[in-house]
Amino acid sequence: MNINLQSLSLRTLAIILSGFLFGACAQEQEPPIPEPEPAESAALELSDEEVENIVRRTYQFVAMYNVNNKGAFDPTNPLRPGALNVMKANTNLADHTMQAIARPNNDTLYTFGLLDLRNEPVILDIPAFDSKFVSLMVVAYDHYVNIPMSTRLGDFDEPSRIMFYTERTPDYNGGAVEGVDKIVEMTGDFVAAVFRVMPHLNEPERMQRNLEAKKAIRAVTLSEFRTGVAPEPAPLPDFPDYGATDFDIYENNLLEVMQFVINHTTFEDDDEVDVELLAALAPLGVAPGKEFDAAAVAQIDGARFRAVAERIAPETLAKATDPKFLAANVTRLFQPKGQIPMELLLFQSILGPIGQPAAEAVYPSIGTADGVPMNAQYDYVLRMAPDALPPANAFWSATLYDNANGFFMPNDRKKYSVGENAGMKLDENGGIAIYIAAEQPEGVPEENWLPLVRGDYAIDIIMRIYAPDLEKFAVWTPPVAERLE
């Protein structure tokens, strides 16, 4: 892969990395998971090394607990289903008023739900789609990423049903269920199910079909599927508070959150990451199967844990500018359990949870020809010859953001990206020139113009390449932005 690292900011490098996947890491055999030692309710004296080890080994759970529970219950989230086993579809592409997350896309629409596998398996009933790109991502609190269905894999041409369960799900032994096409065992009882769908904005009838399909996705329990009668909704568990940031959990309720998540997670005696995590938590009085009791667990210094987490986060993100680290690991992120080591789990959890694996999408950031970061004081152009277009098997786009916040540029045309979904025009040779300018340049098609709000502030462009050809991507060079005088 040939990417100009010097021209990219740390923030935009994080965007690049949040979509990469390939390869596997072998795990060595480890001794059985130790039985926990009783904890004292008095303050526990921990060395600096012990605190750091606990923070590093718990980060994947803390980050995912925050992401999944905010996604399900945070009232500021427009995709909040507000309940378990409910799928919520967004039917409008994000515009400049979308400021709930940094760097939203203008390409795909999401459907999201938090599945509850504690009482019985849950089935997703999925209609057929008429789209170049659809993927289903499922991920529990342990941040192991699985893509059980994708157009890349030949899915979604026909209606289908996929069922999820865990080793703790009662009254089910993993056997086949008539009418269910695929069955997947998960490592956690609470699973974020995330669909990404290219709506085909420029084909209104096709887009409407895909919108209707998104809205038709249903989550049903196995008993409801068999009998047609919905069971009484299970009461919500006593979820610990999530934090505004991951650091808040480290300061305020780390042990409560960890007791909750490990009670709802599968651990294996021969998995090194599992063994070391539970060994680190045992002296604190946190172990699988226990009820959280604030008076019984060890008393820890939350401010100290927060300070360590706040130090580890930027230190870990700094690896994104290390060429050796990138060369070794850039395609090993966001993998299933057993295929990713702890240090990369930490990296991706700090970088940004629930990134797509590279087989589904990659997100190269655009540098500049002179190496100077882009600024809204100037206009720019991106030029790609026909043989230099992004190696996408589905589609690609280029999206403009203000760098500091990661938001779209506000404009009356609601034009934030150039690509097949948002509109583009190739030239007579099959190449394209994309202009980033305060005014539409003369002779430039409106589809290829990204309106710029003039000012002295940093801007950036993120490319999205869906279903990339990874062999071609390895030798492809992203375009650079040329400043116009």
Protein backbone atom coordinates (compact mmCIF):
# COMPACT_ATOMS: atom_id res chain seq x y z
CA MET A 1 0.00 0.00 0.00
CA ASN A 2 1.45 3.37 -0.97
CA ILE A 3 0.03 6.18 1.21
CA ASN A 4 1.77 9.48 1.93
CA LEU A 5 1.78 9.32 5.73
CA GLN A 6 3.57 12.63 6.16
CA SER A 7 0.68 14.50 4.59
CA LEU A 8 -1.99 12.98 6.84
CA SER A 9 -3.14 14.20 10.25
CA LEU A 10 -3.51 11.78 13.16
CA ARG A 11 -7.28 12.26 13.02
CA THR A 12 -7.45 11.35 9.35
CA LEU A 13 -5.10 8.41 9.79
CA ALA A 14 -7.56 7.11 12.33
CA ILE A 15 -10.24 7.21 9.63
CA ILE A 16 -8.00 5.26 7.26
CA LEU A 17 -7.37 2.52 9.75
CA SER A 18 -10.94 2.13 10.91
CA GLY A 19 -11.82 0.00 7.88
CA PHE A 20 -8.91 -2.44 7.41
CA LEU A 21 -8.90 -6.23 7.83
CA PHE A 22 -6.85 -9.21 6.61
CA GLY A 23 -4.71 -11.99 8.06
CA ALA A 24 -4.78 -13.79 11.40
CA CYS A 25 -2.75 -14.12 14.58
CA ALA A 26 -2.20 -17.49 16.24
CA GLN A 27 -2.79 -17.73 19.98
CA GLU A 28 -0.53 -19.87 22.15
CA GLN A 29 -1.94 -22.38 24.64
CA GLU A 30 -2.36 -20.86 28.11
CA PRO A 31 -3.08 -22.37 31.52
CA PRO A 32 -6.71 -22.54 32.69
CA ILE A 33 -8.43 -19.32 33.74
CA PRO A 34 -7.58 -18.86 37.44
CA GLU A 35 -10.17 -18.87 40.17
CA PRO A 36 -10.48 -15.36 41.63
CA GLU A 37 -9.04 -14.56 45.01
CA PRO A 38 -11.45 -12.92 47.45
CA ALA A 39 -11.25 -9.14 47.32
CA GLU A 40 -11.21 -6.89 50.31
CA SER A 41 -13.53 -3.92 50.46
CA ALA A 42 -10.68 -1.77 51.68
CA ALA A 43 -8.61 0.25 49.22
CA LEU A 44 -6.38 -2.03 47.17
CA GLU A 45 -2.76 -1.02 46.71
CA LEU A 46 -1.94 -1.45 43.04
CA SER A 47 1.39 -0.78 41.40
CA ASP A 48 1.62 1.48 38.38
CA GLU A 49 2.26 -1.60 36.24
CA GLU A 50 -0.88 -3.32 37.56
CA VAL A 51 -3.09 -0.28 36.89
CA GLU A 52 -1.72 0.04 33.37
CA ASN A 53 -2.25 -3.65 32.68
CA ILE A 54 -5.88 -3.43 33.86
CA VAL A 55 -6.57 -0.38 31.70
CA ARG A 56 -5.03 -1.94 28.60
CA ARG A 57 -6.88 -5.23 29.02
CA THR A 58 -10.27 -3.70 29.79
CA TYR A 59 -10.29 -0.99 27.11
CA GLN A 60 -11.96 -3.11 24.43
CA PHE A 61 -14.91 -3.73 26.81
CA VAL A 62 -15.15 -0.17 28.09
CA ALA A 63 -15.14 1.29 24.56
CA MET A 64 -17.69 -1.19 23.23
CA TYR A 65 -19.97 -0.86 26.26
CA ASN A 66 -20.10 2.88 25.64
CA VAL A 67 -20.67 2.52 21.89
CA ASN A 68 -23.31 -0.20 22.01
CA ASN A 69 -25.33 1.26 24.87
CA LYS A 70 -25.20 4.79 23.51
CA GLY A 71 -26.33 3.42 20.17
CA ALA A 72 -29.30 1.70 21.79
CA PHE A 73 -30.38 4.17 24.44
CA ASP A 74 -28.79 7.63 24.05
CA PRO A 75 -31.66 10.03 23.19
CA THR A 76 -29.30 12.23 21.12
CA ASN A 77 -28.68 9.33 18.71
CA PRO A 78 -31.09 9.46 15.74
CA LEU A 79 -30.73 5.70 15.26
CA ARG A 80 -31.63 4.88 18.86
CA PRO A 81 -34.10 1.95 18.85
CA GLY A 82 -34.85 2.60 22.54
CA ALA A 83 -35.37 -1.10 23.29
CA LEU A 84 -33.68 -4.46 22.89
CA ASN A 85 -34.43 -6.65 19.85
CA VAL A 86 -35.73 -3.67 17.88
CA MET A 87 -34.18 -2.64 14.55
CA LYS A 88 -34.15 1.08 13.73
CA ALA A 89 -33.59 2.20 10.12
CA ASN A 90 -32.49 5.62 8.99
CA THR A 91 -34.01 6.56 5.65
CA ASN A 92 -32.28 9.87 4.94
CA LEU A 93 -28.67 10.43 4.06
CA ALA A 94 -26.79 12.53 6.58
CA ASP A 95 -26.51 16.27 5.92
CA HIS A 96 -24.61 19.11 7.61
CA THR A 97 -27.00 19.06 10.56
CA MET A 98 -25.70 15.59 11.48
CA GLN A 99 -23.26 16.30 14.30
CA ALA A 100 -23.84 13.32 16.57
CA ILE A 101 -20.69 11.63 15.23
CA ALA A 102 -17.55 12.82 13.50
CA ARG A 103 -17.19 12.21 9.77
CA PRO A 104 -20.54 10.63 8.98
CA ASN A 105 -20.83 9.16 5.53
CA ASN A 106 -22.99 10.37 2.68
CA ASP A 107 -22.97 6.98 0.98
CA THR A 108 -24.78 4.34 2.99
CA LEU A 109 -27.78 4.17 5.27
CA TYR A 110 -27.69 2.32 8.57
CA THR A 111 -30.07 -0.01 10.33
CA PHE A 112 -29.14 -0.68 13.96
CA GLY A 113 -30.35 -2.82 16.83
CA LEU A 114 -29.04 -4.23 20.10
CA LEU A 115 -29.96 -7.92 20.30
CA ASP A 116 -30.59 -9.61 23.66
CA LEU A 117 -29.53 -13.28 23.60
CA ARG A 118 -29.92 -13.93 27.34
CA ASN A 119 -33.26 -15.75 27.21
CA GLU A 120 -33.50 -17.30 23.75
CA PRO A 121 -31.95 -17.01 20.29
CA VAL A 122 -32.85 -14.00 18.17
CA ILE A 123 -33.52 -14.18 14.43
CA LEU A 124 -33.07 -11.34 11.96
CA ASP A 125 -35.69 -11.60 9.22
CA ILE A 126 -34.13 -9.85 6.23
CA PRO A 127 -35.79 -9.03 2.88
CA ALA A 128 -33.95 -8.98 -0.44
CA PHE A 129 -32.09 -5.81 -1.45
CA ASP A 130 -31.44 -4.26 -4.84
CA SER A 131 -28.10 -2.67 -3.99
CA LYS A 132 -24.45 -2.96 -4.94
CA PHE A 133 -23.42 -2.89 -1.30
CA VAL A 134 -25.09 -4.30 1.79
CA SER A 135 -23.28 -5.67 4.82
CA LEU A 136 -24.33 -6.97 8.22
CA MET A 137 -21.86 -6.46 11.07
CA VAL A 138 -22.37 -8.05 14.49
CA VAL A 139 -20.23 -7.24 17.52
CA ALA A 140 -20.56 -7.80 21.27
CA TYR A 141 -18.94 -6.05 24.23
CA ASP A 142 -15.61 -7.81 23.59
CA HIS A 143 -15.15 -5.94 20.27
CA TYR A 144 -14.57 -8.97 18.07
CA VAL A 145 -16.01 -8.04 14.66
CA ASN A 146 -17.92 -10.47 12.47
CA ILE A 147 -19.47 -9.95 9.02
CA PRO A 148 -21.80 -12.95 8.64
CA MET A 149 -23.59 -11.54 5.57
CA SER A 150 -22.50 -9.25 2.74
CA THR A 151 -23.20 -8.63 -0.92
CA ARG A 152 -19.49 -9.40 -1.31
CA LEU A 153 -20.30 -12.93 -0.12
CA GLY A 154 -23.32 -13.29 -2.43
CA ASP A 155 -25.94 -12.46 0.20
CA PHE A 156 -29.08 -10.27 0.12
CA ASP A 157 -30.27 -11.23 -3.36
CA GLU A 158 -33.10 -13.16 -1.74
CA PRO A 159 -34.94 -12.91 1.60
CA SER A 160 -33.03 -14.66 4.37
CA ARG A 161 -33.03 -15.36 8.09
CA ILE A 162 -30.01 -15.48 10.36
CA MET A 163 -30.13 -16.54 14.01
CA PHE A 164 -27.80 -15.63 16.86
CA TYR A 165 -27.19 -17.30 20.23
CA THR A 166 -24.46 -17.76 22.85
CA GLU A 167 -23.34 -20.71 24.96
CA ARG A 168 -25.45 -19.24 27.77
CA THR A 169 -28.68 -19.00 25.74
CA PRO A 170 -31.08 -21.47 27.44
CA ASP A 171 -33.06 -24.27 25.78
CA TYR A 172 -31.06 -24.27 22.57
CA ASN A 173 -28.22 -26.64 21.61
CA GLY A 174 -27.04 -25.08 18.35
CA GLY A 175 -29.03 -27.35 16.07
CA ALA A 176 -30.67 -26.45 12.77
CA VAL A 177 -33.98 -24.57 12.80
CA GLU A 178 -36.36 -25.06 9.90
CA GLY A 179 -36.79 -21.81 7.98
CA VAL A 180 -33.52 -20.29 9.26
CA ASP A 181 -30.74 -20.02 6.68
CA LYS A 182 -27.72 -19.37 8.91
CA ILE A 183 -26.96 -19.78 12.62
CA VAL A 184 -24.14 -17.90 14.33
CA GLU A 185 -22.82 -18.38 17.85
CA MET A 186 -21.79 -15.06 19.42
CA THR A 187 -19.35 -14.41 22.26
CA GLY A 188 -21.64 -11.95 24.05
CA ASP A 189 -25.26 -11.81 25.19
CA PHE A 190 -25.79 -8.24 23.93
CA VAL A 191 -24.95 -7.87 20.23
CA ALA A 192 -24.95 -4.75 18.09
CA ALA A 193 -26.35 -5.66 14.67
CA VAL A 194 -25.43 -3.00 12.10
CA PHE A 195 -26.56 -2.99 8.47
CA ARG A 196 -24.91 -0.68 5.94
CA VAL A 197 -26.81 -0.21 2.66
CA MET A 198 -25.98 1.79 -0.45
CA PRO A 199 -29.37 3.33 -1.31
CA HIS A 200 -28.63 4.34 -4.96
CA LEU A 201 -29.72 7.93 -4.48
CA ASN A 202 -29.61 8.73 -8.19
CA GLU A 203 -32.05 5.95 -9.08
CA PRO A 204 -35.23 6.98 -7.22
CA GLU A 205 -37.22 3.78 -7.79
CA ARG A 206 -34.28 1.59 -6.82
CA MET A 207 -33.61 3.76 -3.78
CA GLN A 208 -37.22 3.43 -2.66
CA ARG A 209 -37.01 -0.36 -2.90
CA ASN A 210 -33.94 -0.36 -0.70
CA LEU A 211 -35.52 2.01 1.81
CA GLU A 212 -38.54 -0.25 2.11
CA ALA A 213 -36.27 -3.26 2.55
CA LYS A 214 -34.32 -1.50 5.31
CA LYS A 215 -37.51 -0.70 7.18
CA ALA A 216 -38.68 -4.32 6.84
CA ILE A 217 -35.75 -5.88 8.74
CA ARG A 218 -37.15 -7.42 11.92
CA ALA A 219 -35.63 -9.02 15.00
CA VAL A 220 -37.77 -11.84 16.44
CA THR A 221 -37.11 -14.36 19.18
CA LEU A 222 -37.01 -18.04 18.31
CA SER A 223 -40.27 -18.70 20.17
CA GLU A 224 -42.05 -15.94 18.26
CA PHE A 225 -40.68 -17.29 14.98
CA ARG A 226 -42.04 -20.76 15.77
CA THR A 227 -45.42 -19.81 17.21
CA GLY A 228 -46.16 -16.40 15.74
CA VAL A 229 -46.80 -15.12 19.26
CA ALA A 230 -44.44 -12.51 20.63
CA PRO A 231 -43.28 -13.31 24.17
CA GLU A 232 -43.58 -10.82 26.97
CA PRO A 233 -40.64 -8.42 26.62
CA ALA A 234 -37.87 -9.34 29.01
CA PRO A 235 -37.18 -6.60 31.54
CA LEU A 236 -34.19 -4.47 30.75
CA PRO A 237 -31.14 -5.52 32.72
CA ASP A 238 -29.75 -3.14 35.26
CA PHE A 239 -27.24 -1.64 32.85
CA PRO A 240 -24.48 0.33 34.58
CA ASP A 241 -24.21 3.94 33.45
CA TYR A 242 -22.26 4.52 30.25
CA GLY A 243 -19.97 7.54 30.07
CA ALA A 244 -19.77 10.62 27.92
CA THR A 245 -16.25 9.31 27.22
CA ASP A 246 -14.44 6.06 27.95
CA PHE A 247 -12.39 7.95 30.53
CA ASP A 248 -15.56 8.64 32.55
CA ILE A 249 -16.09 4.92 33.06
CA TYR A 250 -12.52 4.47 34.22
CA GLU A 251 -13.05 7.18 36.80
CA ASN A 252 -16.61 6.49 37.92
CA ASN A 253 -17.72 2.86 37.56
CA LEU A 254 -15.07 0.65 35.97
CA LEU A 255 -15.59 -2.37 38.22
CA GLU A 256 -19.38 -2.23 37.90
CA VAL A 257 -19.17 -2.12 34.10
CA MET A 258 -16.59 -4.89 33.96
CA GLN A 259 -18.60 -7.15 36.26
CA PHE A 260 -21.62 -6.65 34.01
CA VAL A 261 -19.84 -7.27 30.72
CA ILE A 262 -17.89 -10.35 31.82
CA ASN A 263 -21.12 -11.89 33.14
CA HIS A 264 -22.44 -11.61 29.57
CA THR A 265 -19.30 -12.69 27.67
CA THR A 266 -17.88 -16.07 26.69
CA PHE A 267 -14.36 -16.76 27.97
CA GLU A 268 -12.14 -19.65 26.96
CA ASP A 269 -9.45 -21.40 29.00
CA ASP A 270 -7.07 -21.59 26.04
CA ASP A 271 -7.44 -17.98 24.86
CA GLU A 272 -4.53 -15.83 26.06
CA VAL A 273 -6.49 -12.56 25.94
CA ASP A 274 -9.29 -14.07 28.04
CA VAL A 275 -6.94 -15.66 30.59
CA GLU A 276 -4.92 -12.51 31.17
CA LEU A 277 -7.98 -10.26 31.44
CA LEU A 278 -9.65 -12.37 34.13
CA ALA A 279 -6.35 -12.76 35.97
CA ALA A 280 -6.01 -8.96 36.08
CA LEU A 281 -9.57 -8.50 37.40
CA ALA A 282 -9.60 -11.31 39.97
CA PRO A 283 -7.75 -9.41 42.73
CA LEU A 284 -10.33 -6.62 42.38
CA GLY A 285 -13.19 -8.98 43.20
CA VAL A 286 -14.55 -9.07 39.64
CA ALA A 287 -15.10 -12.53 38.14
CA PRO A 288 -17.60 -14.33 35.90
CA GLY A 289 -20.89 -15.18 37.58
CA LYS A 290 -20.63 -12.76 40.49
CA GLU A 291 -23.12 -10.07 41.39
CA PHE A 292 -21.61 -6.61 41.61
CA ASP A 293 -21.43 -5.41 45.20
CA ALA A 294 -19.75 -2.06 45.69
CA ALA A 295 -19.06 -2.92 49.32
CA ALA A 296 -17.36 -6.20 48.44
CA VAL A 297 -15.14 -5.31 45.49
CA ALA A 298 -11.81 -3.64 45.97
CA GLN A 299 -11.86 0.13 46.35
CA ILE A 300 -9.81 1.65 43.54
CA ASP A 301 -8.69 5.20 42.82
CA GLY A 302 -10.86 6.16 39.85
CA ALA A 303 -8.94 9.36 39.18
CA ARG A 304 -5.74 7.32 38.91
CA PHE A 305 -7.33 4.90 36.43
CA ARG A 306 -8.68 7.80 34.38
CA ALA A 307 -5.25 9.45 34.26
CA VAL A 308 -3.67 6.23 33.01
CA ALA A 309 -6.38 5.79 30.34
CA GLU A 310 -5.96 9.42 29.24
CA ARG A 311 -2.22 8.80 28.84
CA ILE A 312 -2.56 5.45 27.05
CA ALA A 313 -5.06 6.75 24.48
CA PRO A 314 -2.81 9.31 22.72
CA GLU A 315 0.23 7.04 23.09
CA THR A 316 -1.67 4.30 21.31
CA LEU A 317 -3.02 6.59 18.59
CA ALA A 318 0.53 7.78 17.90
CA LYS A 319 1.19 4.36 16.38
CA ALA A 320 -0.95 5.49 13.46
CA THR A 321 2.00 7.60 12.27
CA ASP A 322 4.57 4.80 12.68
CA PRO A 323 5.28 3.33 9.20
CA LYS A 324 6.58 0.06 10.66
CA PHE A 325 3.48 -0.42 12.79
CA LEU A 326 1.24 0.36 9.83
CA ALA A 327 3.08 -2.02 7.53
CA ALA A 328 2.76 -4.84 10.05
CA ASN A 329 -0.78 -4.25 11.28
CA VAL A 330 -2.86 -2.01 9.05
CA THR A 331 -4.73 -4.95 7.51
CA ARG A 332 -5.14 -6.98 10.74
CA LEU A 333 -7.77 -4.93 12.53
CA PHE A 334 -11.48 -5.63 13.24
CA GLN A 335 -11.29 -9.40 13.17
CA PRO A 336 -13.16 -12.26 14.87
CA LYS A 337 -12.08 -13.77 18.16
CA GLY A 338 -8.82 -15.69 18.02
CA GLN A 339 -7.57 -13.74 15.02
CA ILE A 340 -6.40 -10.53 16.68
CA PRO A 341 -4.03 -9.98 19.64
CA MET A 342 -4.68 -7.75 22.64
CA GLU A 343 -2.46 -4.87 21.50
CA LEU A 344 -4.50 -4.51 18.30
CA LEU A 345 -7.77 -4.81 20.22
CA LEU A 346 -6.54 -1.88 22.31
CA PHE A 347 -5.51 0.06 19.22
CA GLN A 348 -8.81 -0.34 17.35
CA SER A 349 -10.86 0.35 20.50
CA ILE A 350 -9.08 3.66 21.08
CA LEU A 351 -9.00 4.45 17.37
CA GLY A 352 -12.75 4.02 16.91
CA PRO A 353 -14.89 0.98 17.68
CA ILE A 354 -16.87 -1.04 15.14
CA GLY A 355 -14.77 -0.29 12.08
CA GLN A 356 -15.43 -2.40 9.02
CA PRO A 357 -12.86 -4.97 7.94
CA ALA A 358 -10.91 -4.15 4.82
CA ALA A 359 -12.73 -6.79 2.78
CA GLU A 360 -15.84 -4.60 3.16
CA ALA A 361 -14.45 -1.07 2.96
CA VAL A 362 -11.28 1.00 3.24
CA TYR A 363 -11.05 4.70 4.00
CA PRO A 364 -7.91 6.36 2.62
CA SER A 365 -7.42 10.00 3.51
CA ILE A 366 -6.36 12.51 0.88
CA GLY A 367 -3.06 14.31 1.29
CA THR A 368 -1.83 17.37 -0.60
CA ALA A 369 0.67 17.71 -3.42
CA ASP A 370 2.88 20.05 -1.38
CA GLY A 371 2.44 18.26 1.96
CA VAL A 372 0.76 21.30 3.53
CA PRO A 373 -2.59 20.44 5.20
CA MET A 374 -5.65 21.68 3.33
CA ASN A 375 -7.12 25.00 4.46
CA ALA A 376 -10.46 26.58 3.56
CA GLN A 377 -8.69 29.79 2.54
CA TYR A 378 -7.80 28.08 -0.74
CA ASP A 379 -9.45 26.06 -3.53
CA TYR A 380 -8.20 22.61 -4.53
CA VAL A 381 -8.62 20.00 -7.24
CA LEU A 382 -8.32 16.20 -7.13
CA ARG A 383 -7.47 14.61 -10.48
CA MET A 384 -7.69 10.90 -11.28
CA ALA A 385 -6.91 9.35 -14.65
CA PRO A 386 -9.05 6.39 -15.78
CA ASP A 387 -6.42 3.89 -14.64
CA ALA A 388 -6.02 5.65 -11.27
CA LEU A 389 -9.64 5.50 -10.08
CA PRO A 390 -10.15 3.81 -6.69
CA PRO A 391 -10.16 -0.03 -6.92
CA ALA A 392 -13.77 -0.52 -5.82
CA ASN A 393 -15.82 -3.59 -6.69
CA ALA A 394 -18.96 -1.81 -5.41
CA PHE A 395 -18.50 1.98 -5.47
CA TRP A 396 -16.32 4.81 -4.14
CA SER A 397 -16.69 8.42 -3.01
CA ALA A 398 -14.75 11.45 -1.80
CA THR A 399 -16.25 13.45 1.08
CA LEU A 400 -15.28 16.91 2.39
CA TYR A 401 -15.15 17.76 6.14
CA ASP A 402 -13.95 20.50 8.40
CA ASN A 403 -10.93 18.96 10.10
CA ALA A 404 -11.49 20.09 13.67
CA ASN A 405 -15.02 18.69 14.09
CA GLY A 406 -15.34 16.23 11.25
CA PHE A 407 -18.64 17.73 10.02
CA PHE A 408 -19.92 18.31 6.49
CA MET A 409 -19.58 21.73 4.87
CA PRO A 410 -23.02 23.41 5.14
CA ASN A 411 -24.43 24.43 1.77
CA ASP A 412 -27.85 24.97 0.19
CA ARG A 413 -27.26 22.22 -2.39
CA LYS A 414 -26.62 19.64 0.36
CA LYS A 415 -23.66 18.44 -1.67
CA TYR A 416 -21.03 16.88 0.60
CA SER A 417 -19.44 14.16 -1.51
CA VAL A 418 -18.64 13.17 -5.07
CA GLY A 419 -19.29 9.61 -6.17
CA GLU A 420 -21.81 7.30 -7.76
CA ASN A 421 -24.32 7.73 -4.94
CA ALA A 422 -24.00 11.50 -4.52
CA GLY A 423 -23.44 12.27 -8.19
CA MET A 424 -20.34 12.53 -10.39
CA LYS A 425 -19.41 12.92 -14.05
CA LEU A 426 -16.43 11.18 -15.59
CA ASP A 427 -14.69 12.98 -18.43
CA GLU A 428 -14.61 11.71 -22.02
CA ASN A 429 -11.57 9.56 -21.22
CA GLY A 430 -13.12 8.01 -18.10
CA GLY A 431 -11.16 10.05 -15.55
CA ILE A 432 -12.42 12.72 -13.17
CA ALA A 433 -11.43 16.06 -11.66
CA ILE A 434 -13.09 16.94 -8.34
CA TYR A 435 -13.03 20.61 -7.34
CA ILE A 436 -13.16 21.87 -3.75
CA ALA A 437 -14.00 25.55 -4.08
CA ALA A 438 -16.07 28.35 -2.59
CA GLU A 439 -17.67 29.02 -5.99
CA GLN A 440 -18.40 26.55 -8.77
CA PRO A 441 -15.51 26.86 -11.23
CA GLU A 442 -16.42 27.69 -14.80
CA GLY A 443 -16.83 24.61 -16.95
CA VAL A 444 -16.86 22.20 -13.98
CA PRO A 445 -19.93 19.94 -13.75
CA GLU A 446 -21.98 20.64 -10.65
CA GLU A 447 -21.74 16.95 -9.72
CA ASN A 448 -17.94 17.26 -9.42
CA TRP A 449 -17.93 20.39 -7.25
CA LEU A 450 -17.68 20.22 -3.47
CA PRO A 451 -18.80 23.61 -2.07
CA LEU A 452 -16.35 25.13 0.38
CA VAL A 453 -17.19 27.60 3.16
CA ARG A 454 -14.36 30.11 2.96
CA GLY A 455 -12.35 30.71 6.14
CA ASP A 456 -9.01 30.14 7.85
CA TYR A 457 -9.47 26.61 9.16
CA ALA A 458 -8.32 23.10 8.27
CA ILE A 459 -10.36 20.85 5.99
CA ASP A 460 -9.86 17.26 4.88
CA ILE A 461 -11.18 14.75 2.37
CA ILE A 462 -11.86 11.10 3.11
CA MET A 463 -12.23 8.54 0.35
CA ARG A 464 -14.46 5.53 0.86
CA ILE A 465 -13.87 2.42 -1.23
CA TYR A 466 -16.57 -0.20 -0.78
CA ALA A 467 -15.83 -3.88 -1.46
CA PRO A 468 -12.29 -2.96 -2.51
CA ASP A 469 -10.07 -5.10 -4.70
CA LEU A 470 -7.41 -5.59 -2.01
CA GLU A 471 -4.72 -6.78 -4.41
CA LYS A 472 -5.08 -3.61 -6.48
CA PHE A 473 -5.49 -1.48 -3.35
CA ALA A 474 -2.10 -2.70 -2.09
CA VAL A 475 -0.39 -0.98 -5.03
CA TRP A 476 -2.89 1.84 -5.64
CA THR A 477 -1.89 5.39 -4.77
CA PRO A 478 -4.63 7.75 -3.54
CA PRO A 479 -4.86 11.07 -5.41
CA VAL A 480 -3.47 14.23 -3.84
CA ALA A 481 -5.16 17.62 -3.62
CA GLU A 482 -3.55 20.34 -5.73
CA ARG A 483 -3.96 23.90 -4.47
CA LEU A 484 -5.38 26.31 -7.02
CA GLU A 485 -4.01 29.85 -7.25
